[in-house]
Amino acid sequence: MNVKKIIGNIGEEKVVWKYRIKGYKILARNFSCRYGELDIVAQKGETIVVVEVKTRKNNKFAQAKEFVDYRKQEKIKNTTNIFIQKNKFTDYNIRFDVAEVYTENNTINIIENAF
């Protein structure tokens, strides 16, 4: 496994922990289909939350959320549609969050309803 993948997995673990503390149930991690991949899918009540995790050393170059551009958002939405249909979550509210993880200062920013 390469270093970037290891760092990304560490970031995802931290974000999963954060959502569990807030009372979310983790439904899936790294769900993939022909459209793309969903990092984390969580549920709380009638809401399904799709979380895109971006792990970076720091934000000196750019904020991590800036790497979730329109094209990436469309891929996430298309992949989410497949996940929803496959798991029969059609009557749930869907929310898209972006989680920024900065390893240099061990910071996690969760941006709810990011797109």
C-alpha atoms as a PDB file:
ATOM      1  CA  MET A   1       0.000   0.000   0.000  1.00  0.00           C
ATOM      2  CA  ASN A   2       1.418   3.407  -0.907  1.00  0.00           C
ATOM      3  CA  VAL A   3       1.933   6.248   1.560  1.00  0.00           C
ATOM      4  CA  LYS A   4      -0.905   8.410   0.170  1.00  0.00           C
ATOM      5  CA  LYS A   5      -3.377   5.537   0.595  1.00  0.00           C
ATOM      6  CA  ILE A   6      -2.215   4.930   4.171  1.00  0.00           C
ATOM      7  CA  ILE A   7      -2.573   8.633   5.050  1.00  0.00           C
ATOM      8  CA  GLY A   8      -6.002   8.690   3.389  1.00  0.00           C
ATOM      9  CA  ASN A   9      -7.116   5.657   5.407  1.00  0.00           C
ATOM     10  CA  ILE A  10      -5.959   7.311   8.631  1.00  0.00           C
ATOM     11  CA  GLY A  11      -7.980  10.407   7.732  1.00  0.00           C
ATOM     12  CA  GLU A  12     -11.069   8.300   7.015  1.00  0.00           C
ATOM     13  CA  GLU A  13     -10.714   6.484  10.356  1.00  0.00           C
ATOM     14  CA  LYS A  14     -10.659   9.825  12.189  1.00  0.00           C
ATOM     15  CA  VAL A  15     -13.750  11.027  10.341  1.00  0.00           C
ATOM     16  CA  VAL A  16     -15.630   7.763  11.004  1.00  0.00           C
ATOM     17  CA  TRP A  17     -14.841   8.179  14.698  1.00  0.00           C
ATOM     18  CA  LYS A  18     -16.150  11.771  14.604  1.00  0.00           C
ATOM     19  CA  TYR A  19     -19.453  10.724  13.006  1.00  0.00           C
ATOM     20  CA  ARG A  20     -19.926   7.805  15.412  1.00  0.00           C
ATOM     21  CA  ILE A  21     -19.478  10.166  18.371  1.00  0.00           C
ATOM     22  CA  LYS A  22     -22.252  12.324  16.883  1.00  0.00           C
ATOM     23  CA  GLY A  23     -24.570   9.292  16.844  1.00  0.00           C
ATOM     24  CA  TYR A  24     -24.297   8.271  13.198  1.00  0.00           C
ATOM     25  CA  LYS A  25     -24.338   4.667  12.076  1.00  0.00           C
ATOM     26  CA  ILE A  26     -21.701   3.909   9.432  1.00  0.00           C
ATOM     27  CA  LEU A  27     -23.401   2.073   6.573  1.00  0.00           C
ATOM     28  CA  ALA A  28     -20.482   1.761   4.155  1.00  0.00           C
ATOM     29  CA  ARG A  29     -16.885   2.692   3.566  1.00  0.00           C
ATOM     30  CA  ASN A  30     -15.220   2.852   0.180  1.00  0.00           C
ATOM     31  CA  PHE A  31     -18.346   1.808  -1.711  1.00  0.00           C
ATOM     32  CA  SER A  32     -17.494   1.698  -5.396  1.00  0.00           C
ATOM     33  CA  CYS A  33     -19.273   1.170  -8.676  1.00  0.00           C
ATOM     34  CA  ARG A  34     -18.672   2.125 -12.289  1.00  0.00           C
ATOM     35  CA  TYR A  35     -19.251   5.837 -11.541  1.00  0.00           C
ATOM     36  CA  GLY A  36     -16.789   6.207  -8.690  1.00  0.00           C
ATOM     37  CA  GLU A  37     -16.283   5.667  -4.980  1.00  0.00           C
ATOM     38  CA  LEU A  38     -17.931   6.924  -1.795  1.00  0.00           C
ATOM     39  CA  ASP A  39     -15.536   7.310   1.117  1.00  0.00           C
ATOM     40  CA  ILE A  40     -18.111   7.071   3.914  1.00  0.00           C
ATOM     41  CA  VAL A  41     -21.866   6.604   3.979  1.00  0.00           C
ATOM     42  CA  ALA A  42     -23.525   7.226   7.342  1.00  0.00           C
ATOM     43  CA  GLN A  43     -27.060   7.373   8.667  1.00  0.00           C
ATOM     44  CA  LYS A  44     -28.770   9.244  11.454  1.00  0.00           C
ATOM     45  CA  GLY A  45     -32.533   9.008  11.627  1.00  0.00           C
ATOM     46  CA  GLU A  46     -34.035   9.541   8.201  1.00  0.00           C
ATOM     47  CA  THR A  47     -30.890  11.133   6.761  1.00  0.00           C
ATOM     48  CA  ILE A  48     -28.205   9.391   4.734  1.00  0.00           C
ATOM     49  CA  VAL A  49     -24.935  11.328   4.734  1.00  0.00           C
ATOM     50  CA  VAL A  50     -22.330  10.800   2.032  1.00  0.00           C
ATOM     51  CA  VAL A  51     -18.938  12.032   3.221  1.00  0.00           C
ATOM     52  CA  GLU A  52     -16.036  12.856   0.925  1.00  0.00           C
ATOM     53  CA  VAL A  53     -12.840  12.815   2.980  1.00  0.00           C
ATOM     54  CA  LYS A  54      -9.842  14.905   1.939  1.00  0.00           C
ATOM     55  CA  THR A  55      -6.687  14.398   3.974  1.00  0.00           C
ATOM     56  CA  ARG A  56      -3.814  16.831   3.586  1.00  0.00           C
ATOM     57  CA  LYS A  57      -0.728  17.786   5.575  1.00  0.00           C
ATOM     58  CA  ASN A  58      -1.886  21.403   5.872  1.00  0.00           C
ATOM     59  CA  ASN A  59      -3.868  24.040   3.983  1.00  0.00           C
ATOM     60  CA  LYS A  60      -0.954  26.231   2.867  1.00  0.00           C
ATOM     61  CA  PHE A  61      -1.515  25.352  -0.799  1.00  0.00           C
ATOM     62  CA  ALA A  62      -5.321  25.180  -0.704  1.00  0.00           C
ATOM     63  CA  GLN A  63      -8.116  24.067   1.562  1.00  0.00           C
ATOM     64  CA  ALA A  64      -8.892  20.375   1.190  1.00  0.00           C
ATOM     65  CA  LYS A  65     -12.525  21.092   0.256  1.00  0.00           C
ATOM     66  CA  GLU A  66     -11.345  22.897  -2.874  1.00  0.00           C
ATOM     67  CA  PHE A  67     -10.363  19.527  -4.338  1.00  0.00           C
ATOM     68  CA  VAL A  68     -14.039  18.502  -4.434  1.00  0.00           C
ATOM     69  CA  ASP A  69     -14.828  20.328  -7.663  1.00  0.00           C
ATOM     70  CA  TYR A  70     -17.990  20.152  -9.774  1.00  0.00           C
ATOM     71  CA  ARG A  71     -16.777  17.098 -11.699  1.00  0.00           C
ATOM     72  CA  LYS A  72     -16.019  15.220  -8.463  1.00  0.00           C
ATOM     73  CA  GLN A  73     -19.396  16.232  -7.021  1.00  0.00           C
ATOM     74  CA  GLU A  74     -21.189  14.807 -10.065  1.00  0.00           C
ATOM     75  CA  LYS A  75     -19.306  11.514  -9.713  1.00  0.00           C
ATOM     76  CA  ILE A  76     -20.245  11.350  -6.035  1.00  0.00           C
ATOM     77  CA  LYS A  77     -23.907  12.077  -6.814  1.00  0.00           C
ATOM     78  CA  ASN A  78     -24.050   9.396  -9.527  1.00  0.00           C
ATOM     79  CA  THR A  79     -22.372   6.854  -7.249  1.00  0.00           C
ATOM     80  CA  THR A  80     -24.769   7.797  -4.446  1.00  0.00           C
ATOM     81  CA  ASN A  81     -27.752   7.098  -6.714  1.00  0.00           C
ATOM     82  CA  ILE A  82     -26.459   3.566  -7.279  1.00  0.00           C
ATOM     83  CA  PHE A  83     -25.852   3.069  -3.541  1.00  0.00           C
ATOM     84  CA  ILE A  84     -29.356   4.342  -2.676  1.00  0.00           C
ATOM     85  CA  GLN A  85     -31.050   2.082  -5.222  1.00  0.00           C
ATOM     86  CA  LYS A  86     -28.964  -0.965  -4.315  1.00  0.00           C
ATOM     87  CA  ASN A  87     -29.671  -0.574  -0.586  1.00  0.00           C
ATOM     88  CA  LYS A  88     -33.289   0.623  -0.891  1.00  0.00           C
ATOM     89  CA  PHE A  89     -32.793   3.973   0.870  1.00  0.00           C
ATOM     90  CA  THR A  90     -35.097   5.788  -1.562  1.00  0.00           C
ATOM     91  CA  ASP A  91     -37.287   7.374   1.159  1.00  0.00           C
ATOM     92  CA  TYR A  92     -34.373   8.979   3.031  1.00  0.00           C
ATOM     93  CA  ASN A  93     -33.029  12.517   2.914  1.00  0.00           C
ATOM     94  CA  ILE A  94     -29.580  12.691   1.331  1.00  0.00           C
ATOM     95  CA  ARG A  95     -26.858  15.069   2.484  1.00  0.00           C
ATOM     96  CA  PHE A  96     -23.353  15.537   1.069  1.00  0.00           C
ATOM     97  CA  ASP A  97     -20.589  16.498   3.490  1.00  0.00           C
ATOM     98  CA  VAL A  98     -16.897  17.146   2.944  1.00  0.00           C
ATOM     99  CA  ALA A  99     -14.482  16.295   5.741  1.00  0.00           C
ATOM    100  CA  GLU A 100     -11.121  18.048   5.720  1.00  0.00           C
ATOM    101  CA  VAL A 101      -8.396  16.290   7.703  1.00  0.00           C
ATOM    102  CA  TYR A 102      -5.124  18.129   8.294  1.00  0.00           C
ATOM    103  CA  THR A 103      -2.403  15.886   9.700  1.00  0.00           C
ATOM    104  CA  GLU A 104       0.078  18.625  10.606  1.00  0.00           C
ATOM    105  CA  ASN A 105      -2.124  20.014  13.384  1.00  0.00           C
ATOM    106  CA  ASN A 106      -4.531  17.044  13.763  1.00  0.00           C
ATOM    107  CA  THR A 107      -7.579  19.085  12.720  1.00  0.00           C
ATOM    108  CA  ILE A 108     -10.844  17.776  11.295  1.00  0.00           C
ATOM    109  CA  ASN A 109     -13.325  20.186   9.682  1.00  0.00           C
ATOM    110  CA  ILE A 110     -16.682  18.765   8.709  1.00  0.00           C
ATOM    111  CA  ILE A 111     -18.594  20.847   6.188  1.00  0.00           C
ATOM    112  CA  GLU A 112     -22.215  19.759   6.260  1.00  0.00           C
ATOM    113  CA  ASN A 113     -24.328  20.211   3.109  1.00  0.00           C
ATOM    114  CA  ALA A 114     -21.149  21.019   1.185  1.00  0.00           C
ATOM    115  CA  PHE A 115     -22.927  20.555  -2.155  1.00  0.00           C
END
